[in-house]
Amino acid sequence: MYRIFLSIKYLSSRIIPFLAMFAVALGVMSMIVVISVMNGFIVQTRVIARGTLADLTVTPLVTNASQHYLDLIRTAPKVKAVSPHLVRQALVSTGFSGHAATTHKQLRELSFVTVLGIDPALERLASDFERYLANFEEVRDEIGDPRPWQVDDVKEPFSLETEDRRRAAYPKVVVGLELAKRLGIRKGTFVDLMTYAINDEPGVPLEDKFSVLHEKFVCAGVFRSGSFEIDLGFLYMPLEQLRSFSNAPKDDISEFAVTLEDYLFSDQAKEELQELFMTSQGATAIVETWEDKESIFLSAVDNEKRIMAVILFFFLLFACFAIFIILNMMVREKTRDIGILNSLGATFGGILQIFVMNALIISIVGATIGLVGGVLICENVNAIEQFLKNAFGLVIFKPDVYAFDRLPVDMRTDEVVTIIVLTIGLSAISGLFPAFRAARLDPVEALRYE
């Protein structure tokens, strides 16, 4: 009992141990918040990539054989659904209807987008596109009533209920939320698209090989994937409509989005599809998982998480070193007390436990404060970020730099427990040397000058 009493008495007699508790708390809180945010980046990246790229992407190397590819992919084992995509690059604007942008204002209002031609019935089975059409709950405070943005029917996203015959006559597109906000697009807004076509037929004069194509569309609604990059740079339209707009051949397909019955077997399914294309005549293709296509970005986020964890680990080591210094100072100051305890019959283990207990109390209290602080920050990180932005103009998170419109957080229990156990363990180790030094003091030497 005297061990606990003396430990608390020694710690409460000076302010320095409380500073060590604060350092431990700051280290634990920083590690929990940073690692949870990095986990959120990884999880959100995977969710968005999987939603837009499906499980596997098949890029055909033979043109004008889309039906053959489609039938071949559907025969592969483990394939649940497949959706053909036609991909084109275009310039989009809302106030430009000529054949060339001539003024600075027109050039400024042009945005470069990737146009994706899809079959809505097949796309619904192969990706999260249908969910994106109604994914506005998290941005209600920003955009208000989502009805002026949302499509009339998620099953038929390229339909528009309107009494305006002029709008009803134009082909329809669905644009990303960030692009809609940038250009002022709402449901029913006229949208101008400009793209190009290349005529590679033999005998065509050089000046006729390249042509600029322009057409007016009407926005049928807005989608929100949660990725700033995708919501700003993608635009959807019906597959046949994009073929007509871009003068593409009737059977032309850029890629096939493939959804598997179980993504755990994605590597095996990828190998089976590659083997299927190798043994099939007239159908060669490149098969990639969504992780293959996003491998550079995923690796970069993983590396950033590891680097930040190492940096913050050194901060924890510094806090533990502070505990080591404080306990050494305490042993020097309490030499007389240690001598008296020894002369009264205190054992080696008893003295040792007093100072190890000091280290444990500092680490446990500090880790508990850090845990509570870290959890509270993780639970309210976007509210805190918004408050700092509104109150002080401090911009911590820029959606136009990252791929997300909100700061993602994924706090994992196993990692939090590891951080707490590691902190307490390192603190206990840092207190062992001063504790051994105190326990080995000779009571005669300790009391010689008293």
Protein backbone atom coordinates (compact mmCIF):
# COMPACT_ATOMS: atom_id res chain seq x y z
CA MET A 1 0.00 0.00 0.00
CA TYR A 2 2.86 2.38 0.84
CA ARG A 3 4.16 1.97 -2.72
CA ILE A 4 1.03 3.51 -4.28
CA PHE A 5 0.92 6.27 -1.67
CA LEU A 6 4.58 7.23 -2.25
CA SER A 7 4.24 7.06 -6.04
CA ILE A 8 1.30 9.47 -6.03
CA LYS A 9 3.03 11.73 -3.47
CA TYR A 10 6.23 11.94 -5.53
CA LEU A 11 4.31 12.65 -8.76
CA SER A 12 2.06 15.33 -7.28
CA SER A 13 4.88 17.23 -5.58
CA ARG A 14 6.09 18.86 -8.83
CA ILE A 15 4.59 20.04 -12.14
CA ILE A 16 7.13 18.26 -14.38
CA PRO A 17 5.39 14.82 -14.24
CA PHE A 18 2.18 16.51 -15.44
CA LEU A 19 4.06 17.90 -18.43
CA ALA A 20 5.21 14.35 -19.21
CA MET A 21 1.57 13.19 -19.02
CA PHE A 22 0.66 15.95 -21.47
CA ALA A 23 3.44 14.86 -23.86
CA VAL A 24 2.24 11.25 -23.75
CA ALA A 25 -1.38 12.36 -24.27
CA LEU A 26 -0.39 14.51 -27.26
CA GLY A 27 1.58 11.66 -28.82
CA VAL A 28 -1.23 9.13 -28.39
CA MET A 29 -3.87 11.56 -29.64
CA SER A 30 -1.78 12.49 -32.70
CA MET A 31 -1.15 8.86 -33.62
CA ILE A 32 -4.84 7.93 -33.29
CA VAL A 33 -6.05 10.89 -35.36
CA VAL A 34 -3.43 10.71 -38.10
CA ILE A 35 -3.58 6.93 -38.56
CA SER A 36 -7.42 7.01 -38.52
CA VAL A 37 -7.46 9.72 -41.20
CA MET A 38 -4.95 7.79 -43.32
CA ASN A 39 -7.11 4.67 -42.90
CA GLY A 40 -10.07 6.74 -44.05
CA PHE A 41 -8.16 7.84 -47.14
CA ILE A 42 -7.35 4.23 -47.99
CA VAL A 43 -10.91 2.96 -47.38
CA GLN A 44 -12.53 5.86 -49.25
CA THR A 45 -10.14 5.41 -52.17
CA ARG A 46 -11.00 1.74 -52.37
CA VAL A 47 -14.75 2.39 -52.16
CA ILE A 48 -14.67 5.05 -54.88
CA ALA A 49 -12.33 3.08 -57.15
CA ARG A 50 -14.43 -0.06 -56.81
CA GLY A 51 -17.61 1.88 -57.53
CA THR A 52 -16.33 3.52 -60.70
CA LEU A 53 -14.04 0.81 -62.03
CA ALA A 54 -15.99 -2.29 -60.94
CA ASP A 55 -14.02 -5.37 -59.91
CA LEU A 56 -12.28 -6.05 -63.22
CA THR A 57 -11.77 -3.90 -66.31
CA VAL A 58 -11.35 -5.59 -69.68
CA THR A 59 -9.84 -3.41 -72.41
CA PRO A 60 -10.39 -4.99 -75.86
CA LEU A 61 -7.51 -4.93 -78.33
CA VAL A 62 -9.67 -5.84 -81.30
CA THR A 63 -12.12 -3.19 -82.54
CA ASN A 64 -15.69 -3.74 -83.73
CA ALA A 65 -16.14 -7.02 -81.84
CA SER A 66 -17.97 -5.85 -78.73
CA GLN A 67 -20.71 -8.50 -78.80
CA HIS A 68 -18.13 -11.26 -79.13
CA TYR A 69 -16.24 -9.88 -76.11
CA LEU A 70 -19.47 -9.50 -74.15
CA ASP A 71 -20.54 -13.09 -74.79
CA LEU A 72 -17.05 -14.37 -73.97
CA ILE A 73 -16.83 -12.52 -70.63
CA ARG A 74 -20.26 -13.73 -69.58
CA THR A 75 -19.18 -17.35 -70.03
CA ALA A 76 -16.26 -16.93 -67.63
CA PRO A 77 -16.66 -18.45 -64.15
CA LYS A 78 -17.06 -16.11 -61.16
CA VAL A 79 -18.42 -13.28 -63.37
CA LYS A 80 -21.63 -11.81 -61.97
CA ALA A 81 -22.27 -8.87 -64.33
CA VAL A 82 -20.61 -6.99 -67.17
CA SER A 83 -21.25 -3.52 -68.60
CA PRO A 84 -19.74 -2.08 -71.82
CA HIS A 85 -18.28 1.45 -71.74
CA LEU A 86 -17.44 3.87 -74.51
CA VAL A 87 -14.99 6.54 -73.32
CA ARG A 88 -14.37 9.90 -74.98
CA GLN A 89 -12.73 13.16 -73.94
CA ALA A 90 -14.66 16.40 -74.41
CA LEU A 91 -15.00 20.05 -73.48
CA VAL A 92 -18.20 21.05 -71.70
CA SER A 93 -19.86 24.43 -71.22
CA THR A 94 -23.29 25.84 -70.46
CA GLY A 95 -23.14 29.22 -72.22
CA PHE A 96 -21.30 28.44 -75.44
CA SER A 97 -23.06 27.24 -78.58
CA GLY A 98 -20.70 28.08 -81.41
CA HIS A 99 -17.94 26.08 -83.06
CA ALA A 100 -15.01 27.79 -81.29
CA ALA A 101 -14.45 29.56 -78.01
CA THR A 102 -13.35 33.07 -78.94
CA THR A 103 -13.56 35.14 -75.77
CA HIS A 104 -11.70 34.86 -72.46
CA LYS A 105 -15.03 34.34 -70.67
CA GLN A 106 -15.93 31.41 -72.96
CA LEU A 107 -12.51 29.81 -72.50
CA ARG A 108 -12.77 30.17 -68.72
CA GLU A 109 -16.20 28.50 -68.67
CA LEU A 110 -15.03 25.45 -70.64
CA SER A 111 -14.22 22.34 -68.57
CA PHE A 112 -12.40 19.23 -69.73
CA VAL A 113 -14.35 16.04 -68.94
CA THR A 114 -14.32 12.30 -69.58
CA VAL A 115 -17.58 11.26 -71.23
CA LEU A 116 -18.68 7.73 -70.37
CA GLY A 117 -21.24 6.05 -72.61
CA ILE A 118 -23.16 3.36 -70.69
CA ASP A 119 -26.16 1.08 -70.86
CA PRO A 120 -28.03 2.02 -67.63
CA ALA A 121 -29.59 -1.45 -67.20
CA LEU A 122 -26.19 -3.18 -67.38
CA GLU A 123 -24.30 -0.46 -65.48
CA ARG A 124 -26.66 -0.80 -62.53
CA LEU A 125 -25.48 -4.40 -62.06
CA ALA A 126 -21.77 -3.74 -62.60
CA SER A 127 -21.06 -0.58 -60.57
CA ASP A 128 -22.44 1.81 -57.93
CA PHE A 129 -23.73 4.31 -60.50
CA GLU A 130 -27.35 3.95 -59.36
CA ARG A 131 -26.34 4.69 -55.75
CA TYR A 132 -24.41 7.77 -56.89
CA LEU A 133 -27.60 9.20 -58.39
CA ALA A 134 -29.20 9.48 -54.93
CA ASN A 135 -26.07 10.04 -52.80
CA PHE A 136 -26.83 13.56 -51.49
CA GLU A 137 -27.47 13.07 -47.75
CA GLU A 138 -23.99 14.21 -46.66
CA VAL A 139 -24.18 17.46 -48.67
CA ARG A 140 -27.73 18.56 -47.84
CA ASP A 141 -26.41 21.44 -45.72
CA GLU A 142 -24.37 22.64 -48.69
CA ILE A 143 -26.83 22.26 -51.58
CA GLY A 144 -30.17 22.37 -49.72
CA ASP A 145 -33.07 20.52 -51.34
CA PRO A 146 -31.49 17.86 -53.61
CA ARG A 147 -34.52 17.58 -55.91
CA PRO A 148 -33.32 20.25 -58.40
CA TRP A 149 -30.16 18.14 -58.77
CA GLN A 150 -31.43 14.56 -58.72
CA VAL A 151 -32.61 12.56 -61.72
CA ASP A 152 -36.33 11.85 -61.94
CA ASP A 153 -35.85 8.07 -62.01
CA VAL A 154 -32.64 6.26 -61.00
CA LYS A 155 -33.73 3.28 -63.11
CA GLU A 156 -33.96 5.54 -66.18
CA PRO A 157 -31.33 8.23 -65.43
CA PHE A 158 -31.38 9.74 -68.93
CA SER A 159 -35.07 10.60 -68.87
CA LEU A 160 -36.41 14.04 -67.91
CA GLU A 161 -39.97 14.89 -66.99
CA THR A 162 -40.56 18.34 -68.50
CA GLU A 163 -43.33 20.23 -70.24
CA ASP A 164 -40.77 22.17 -72.27
CA ARG A 165 -40.84 20.49 -75.69
CA ARG A 166 -37.52 22.07 -76.63
CA ARG A 167 -35.74 20.50 -73.65
CA ALA A 168 -37.53 17.19 -74.15
CA ALA A 169 -36.23 16.97 -77.74
CA TYR A 170 -32.54 17.18 -76.84
CA PRO A 171 -30.48 14.12 -75.78
CA LYS A 172 -29.79 13.85 -72.05
CA VAL A 173 -26.63 13.61 -69.93
CA VAL A 174 -25.84 13.16 -66.21
CA VAL A 175 -23.01 15.27 -64.76
CA GLY A 176 -20.98 15.14 -61.54
CA LEU A 177 -21.92 17.34 -58.58
CA GLU A 178 -18.65 19.33 -58.53
CA LEU A 179 -18.88 20.02 -62.28
CA ALA A 180 -22.51 21.08 -61.83
CA LYS A 181 -21.53 23.49 -59.04
CA ARG A 182 -18.64 24.92 -61.07
CA LEU A 183 -20.71 25.57 -64.22
CA GLY A 184 -24.06 26.29 -62.53
CA ILE A 185 -25.73 23.20 -63.96
CA ARG A 186 -29.04 21.95 -62.61
CA LYS A 187 -31.60 19.47 -63.85
CA GLY A 188 -32.90 20.84 -67.16
CA THR A 189 -29.83 23.03 -67.90
CA PHE A 190 -28.59 23.06 -71.50
CA VAL A 191 -25.07 21.65 -71.80
CA ASP A 192 -22.75 22.09 -74.79
CA LEU A 193 -20.21 19.35 -75.55
CA MET A 194 -17.31 19.52 -77.97
CA THR A 195 -15.14 16.54 -78.93
CA TYR A 196 -13.13 15.34 -81.92
CA ALA A 197 -13.16 12.47 -84.38
CA ILE A 198 -10.30 10.95 -86.36
CA ASN A 199 -10.93 9.43 -89.79
CA ASP A 200 -8.16 6.90 -90.38
CA GLU A 201 -9.54 5.47 -93.62
CA PRO A 202 -6.95 5.26 -96.41
CA GLY A 203 -7.08 7.93 -99.07
CA VAL A 204 -8.60 10.63 -96.83
CA PRO A 205 -6.74 13.97 -97.17
CA LEU A 206 -4.77 15.06 -94.13
CA GLU A 207 -6.92 18.13 -93.53
CA ASP A 208 -10.04 15.92 -93.37
CA LYS A 209 -8.68 13.32 -90.96
CA PHE A 210 -9.38 15.42 -87.87
CA SER A 211 -12.80 16.96 -87.26
CA VAL A 212 -14.31 18.88 -84.31
CA LEU A 213 -17.77 17.74 -83.23
CA HIS A 214 -20.22 19.88 -81.28
CA GLU A 215 -23.69 19.12 -79.93
CA LYS A 216 -26.13 20.50 -77.36
CA PHE A 217 -27.54 18.28 -74.58
CA VAL A 218 -29.84 18.71 -71.58
CA CYS A 219 -28.82 17.72 -68.04
CA ALA A 220 -31.18 15.02 -66.74
CA GLY A 221 -29.64 15.16 -63.25
CA VAL A 222 -26.50 15.06 -61.16
CA PHE A 223 -24.55 12.20 -59.57
CA ARG A 224 -22.28 12.29 -56.51
CA SER A 225 -19.65 9.58 -56.04
CA GLY A 226 -17.93 11.31 -53.10
CA SER A 227 -14.71 11.66 -55.12
CA PHE A 228 -13.98 15.30 -55.97
CA GLU A 229 -11.93 14.23 -58.98
CA ILE A 230 -14.67 12.01 -60.43
CA ASP A 231 -17.53 14.40 -59.61
CA LEU A 232 -15.66 17.18 -61.40
CA GLY A 233 -14.28 15.30 -64.38
CA PHE A 234 -16.89 12.71 -65.44
CA LEU A 235 -20.09 12.95 -67.47
CA TYR A 236 -22.44 10.09 -68.39
CA MET A 237 -24.65 9.63 -71.44
CA PRO A 238 -26.34 6.66 -73.17
CA LEU A 239 -23.93 4.40 -75.04
CA GLU A 240 -25.64 4.73 -78.43
CA GLN A 241 -25.93 8.50 -78.01
CA LEU A 242 -22.17 8.83 -77.45
CA ARG A 243 -21.50 6.65 -80.49
CA SER A 244 -23.66 8.96 -82.58
CA PHE A 245 -22.13 12.12 -81.11
CA SER A 246 -18.50 11.02 -81.56
CA ASN A 247 -19.01 9.32 -84.95
CA ALA A 248 -17.80 6.04 -83.43
CA PRO A 249 -18.33 2.76 -85.29
CA LYS A 250 -21.50 0.90 -84.40
CA ASP A 251 -19.69 -1.88 -82.52
CA ASP A 252 -16.97 0.26 -80.90
CA ILE A 253 -16.35 -0.27 -77.14
CA SER A 254 -13.51 1.19 -75.04
CA GLU A 255 -13.73 -1.18 -72.05
CA PHE A 256 -15.92 -3.64 -70.17
CA ALA A 257 -16.66 -3.21 -66.45
CA VAL A 258 -16.89 -6.66 -64.83
CA THR A 259 -18.39 -7.42 -61.42
CA LEU A 260 -17.44 -10.71 -59.74
CA GLU A 261 -19.51 -12.93 -57.48
CA ASP A 262 -16.77 -12.65 -54.83
CA TYR A 263 -13.88 -10.19 -55.10
CA LEU A 264 -11.73 -12.41 -52.86
CA PHE A 265 -11.15 -14.54 -55.96
CA SER A 266 -10.30 -11.56 -58.20
CA ASP A 267 -6.77 -12.73 -59.02
CA GLN A 268 -8.04 -16.16 -60.02
CA ALA A 269 -10.87 -14.64 -62.08
CA LYS A 270 -8.37 -12.33 -63.79
CA GLU A 271 -6.15 -15.28 -64.76
CA GLU A 272 -9.15 -17.26 -66.04
CA LEU A 273 -10.29 -14.35 -68.22
CA GLN A 274 -6.78 -13.85 -69.60
CA GLU A 275 -6.56 -17.54 -70.44
CA LEU A 276 -10.01 -17.37 -72.04
CA PHE A 277 -8.96 -14.50 -74.32
CA MET A 278 -5.68 -16.24 -75.22
CA THR A 279 -7.49 -19.40 -76.35
CA SER A 280 -10.25 -17.52 -78.18
CA GLN A 281 -9.86 -16.47 -81.77
CA GLY A 282 -10.45 -12.81 -82.60
CA ALA A 283 -10.58 -11.54 -79.03
CA THR A 284 -7.45 -10.37 -77.23
CA ALA A 285 -7.68 -8.02 -74.27
CA ILE A 286 -5.96 -6.51 -71.24
CA VAL A 287 -7.55 -7.59 -67.93
CA GLU A 288 -6.94 -5.51 -64.78
CA THR A 289 -8.41 -5.47 -61.30
CA TRP A 290 -9.40 -2.08 -59.92
CA GLU A 291 -6.43 -2.38 -57.55
CA ASP A 292 -4.13 -2.76 -60.57
CA LYS A 293 -5.52 0.41 -62.12
CA GLU A 294 -5.23 2.37 -58.85
CA SER A 295 -2.04 0.68 -57.62
CA ILE A 296 0.12 3.83 -57.70
CA PHE A 297 -2.36 5.90 -55.71
CA LEU A 298 -3.09 3.10 -53.21
CA SER A 299 0.64 2.50 -52.69
CA ALA A 300 1.23 6.22 -52.16
CA VAL A 301 -1.47 6.42 -49.47
CA ASP A 302 -0.14 3.25 -47.76
CA ASN A 303 3.39 4.69 -47.77
CA GLU A 304 2.17 8.00 -46.35
CA LYS A 305 0.44 6.15 -43.53
CA ARG A 306 3.62 4.24 -42.67
CA ILE A 307 5.77 7.38 -42.82
CA MET A 308 3.40 9.32 -40.55
CA ALA A 309 3.24 6.39 -38.12
CA VAL A 310 7.06 6.29 -37.91
CA ILE A 311 7.29 10.07 -37.36
CA LEU A 312 4.67 10.01 -34.60
CA PHE A 313 6.32 6.94 -33.06
CA PHE A 314 9.47 9.03 -32.58
CA PHE A 315 7.31 11.62 -30.83
CA LEU A 316 6.16 8.87 -28.46
CA LEU A 317 9.78 7.87 -27.90
CA PHE A 318 10.53 11.48 -26.99
CA ALA A 319 7.69 11.40 -24.42
CA CYS A 320 9.10 8.17 -22.97
CA PHE A 321 12.57 9.71 -22.85
CA ALA A 322 11.04 12.61 -20.89
CA ILE A 323 9.68 10.05 -18.39
CA PHE A 324 13.18 8.57 -18.13
CA ILE A 325 14.71 12.01 -17.40
CA ILE A 326 12.00 12.93 -14.88
CA LEU A 327 12.39 9.66 -12.94
CA ASN A 328 16.19 10.06 -12.89
CA MET A 329 15.75 13.55 -11.42
CA MET A 330 13.26 12.15 -8.93
CA VAL A 331 15.69 9.45 -7.79
CA ARG A 332 18.36 12.11 -7.20
CA GLU A 333 15.94 14.29 -5.23
CA LYS A 334 14.56 11.41 -3.18
CA THR A 335 17.90 9.80 -2.27
CA ARG A 336 17.34 10.59 1.44
CA ASP A 337 13.80 9.13 1.33
CA ILE A 338 15.09 5.98 -0.38
CA GLY A 339 17.77 5.59 2.31
CA ILE A 340 15.18 5.90 5.10
CA LEU A 341 12.90 3.35 3.39
CA ASN A 342 15.80 0.91 3.09
CA SER A 343 16.75 1.38 6.75
CA LEU A 344 13.11 0.73 7.72
CA GLY A 345 13.16 -2.59 5.90
CA ALA A 346 11.84 -1.77 2.42
CA THR A 347 12.88 -4.50 -0.03
CA PHE A 348 14.63 -4.18 -3.39
CA GLY A 349 11.37 -5.04 -5.14
CA GLY A 350 9.40 -2.51 -3.09
CA ILE A 351 11.67 0.41 -4.05
CA LEU A 352 11.69 -0.82 -7.66
CA GLN A 353 7.89 -0.90 -7.80
CA ILE A 354 7.55 2.68 -6.51
CA PHE A 355 9.40 4.18 -9.48
CA VAL A 356 8.08 1.75 -12.10
CA MET A 357 4.62 2.65 -10.81
CA ASN A 358 5.47 6.33 -11.38
CA ALA A 359 6.21 5.59 -15.04
CA LEU A 360 3.02 3.53 -15.39
CA ILE A 361 0.84 6.23 -13.79
CA ILE A 362 2.27 8.90 -16.12
CA SER A 363 1.76 6.68 -19.19
CA ILE A 364 -1.71 5.36 -18.26
CA VAL A 365 -3.11 8.79 -17.39
CA GLY A 366 -1.49 10.35 -20.46
CA ALA A 367 -2.65 7.53 -22.76
CA THR A 368 -6.21 7.74 -21.38
CA ILE A 369 -6.36 11.50 -22.00
CA GLY A 370 -4.88 10.99 -25.47
CA LEU A 371 -7.39 8.21 -26.22
CA VAL A 372 -10.37 10.36 -25.23
CA GLY A 373 -9.03 13.33 -27.17
CA GLY A 374 -8.23 11.23 -30.25
CA VAL A 375 -11.68 9.62 -30.31
CA LEU A 376 -13.45 12.98 -29.91
CA ILE A 377 -11.42 14.56 -32.72
CA CYS A 378 -12.00 11.58 -35.03
CA GLU A 379 -15.76 11.66 -34.37
CA ASN A 380 -15.97 15.41 -35.10
CA VAL A 381 -13.07 16.00 -37.48
CA ASN A 382 -15.16 17.54 -40.30
CA ALA A 383 -17.04 19.80 -37.86
CA ILE A 384 -13.70 20.93 -36.36
CA GLU A 385 -12.27 21.54 -39.84
CA GLN A 386 -15.32 23.61 -40.82
CA PHE A 387 -15.16 25.62 -37.56
CA LEU A 388 -11.47 26.49 -38.08
CA LYS A 389 -12.24 27.49 -41.65
CA ASN A 390 -15.19 29.73 -40.71
CA ALA A 391 -13.71 31.22 -37.54
CA PHE A 392 -10.08 31.76 -38.53
CA GLY A 393 -9.96 31.19 -42.29
CA LEU A 394 -7.67 28.23 -41.69
CA VAL A 395 -8.07 25.74 -44.56
CA ILE A 396 -6.86 22.30 -43.43
CA PHE A 397 -8.49 20.15 -46.11
CA LYS A 398 -8.83 21.16 -49.78
CA PRO A 399 -11.23 18.97 -51.81
CA ASP A 400 -9.73 20.22 -55.09
CA VAL A 401 -6.32 18.83 -54.03
CA TYR A 402 -7.51 15.47 -52.72
CA ALA A 403 -9.96 13.03 -54.26
CA PHE A 404 -12.63 13.48 -51.57
CA ASP A 405 -15.19 16.15 -50.76
CA ARG A 406 -14.98 15.44 -46.99
CA LEU A 407 -12.19 14.43 -44.63
CA PRO A 408 -12.51 10.63 -44.30
CA VAL A 409 -11.87 8.87 -40.96
CA ASP A 410 -11.69 5.15 -40.17
CA MET A 411 -10.75 4.48 -36.54
CA ARG A 412 -9.83 0.82 -35.98
CA THR A 413 -9.99 -0.75 -32.53
CA ASP A 414 -6.98 -3.03 -33.05
CA GLU A 415 -4.73 -0.13 -34.04
CA VAL A 416 -5.93 2.04 -31.13
CA VAL A 417 -5.26 -0.82 -28.69
CA THR A 418 -1.80 -1.32 -30.23
CA ILE A 419 -0.98 2.38 -29.77
CA ILE A 420 -2.10 2.33 -26.10
CA VAL A 421 -0.27 -0.91 -25.25
CA LEU A 422 2.88 0.28 -27.06
CA THR A 423 2.80 3.60 -25.18
CA ILE A 424 2.39 1.98 -21.76
CA GLY A 425 5.01 -0.68 -22.53
CA LEU A 426 7.63 1.84 -23.70
CA SER A 427 6.92 4.04 -20.68
CA ALA A 428 7.37 1.10 -18.31
CA ILE A 429 10.68 0.21 -19.98
CA SER A 430 11.86 3.83 -19.76
CA GLY A 431 11.17 3.75 -16.01
CA LEU A 432 13.07 0.51 -15.34
CA PHE A 433 16.60 1.97 -15.35
CA PRO A 434 15.87 4.77 -12.83
CA ALA A 435 13.88 2.28 -10.72
CA PHE A 436 16.81 -0.19 -10.66
CA ARG A 437 19.14 2.66 -9.77
CA ALA A 438 16.91 3.67 -6.85
CA ALA A 439 16.46 0.08 -5.62
CA ARG A 440 20.23 -0.53 -5.60
CA LEU A 441 21.06 2.54 -3.49
CA ASP A 442 23.06 1.71 -0.35
CA PRO A 443 21.17 3.16 2.66
CA VAL A 444 24.49 4.06 4.35
CA GLU A 445 25.62 6.07 1.30
CA ALA A 446 22.16 7.59 0.92
CA LEU A 447 22.13 8.86 4.55
CA ARG A 448 25.86 9.63 4.93
CA TYR A 449 25.50 13.41 4.72
CA GLU A 450 22.16 13.63 6.54
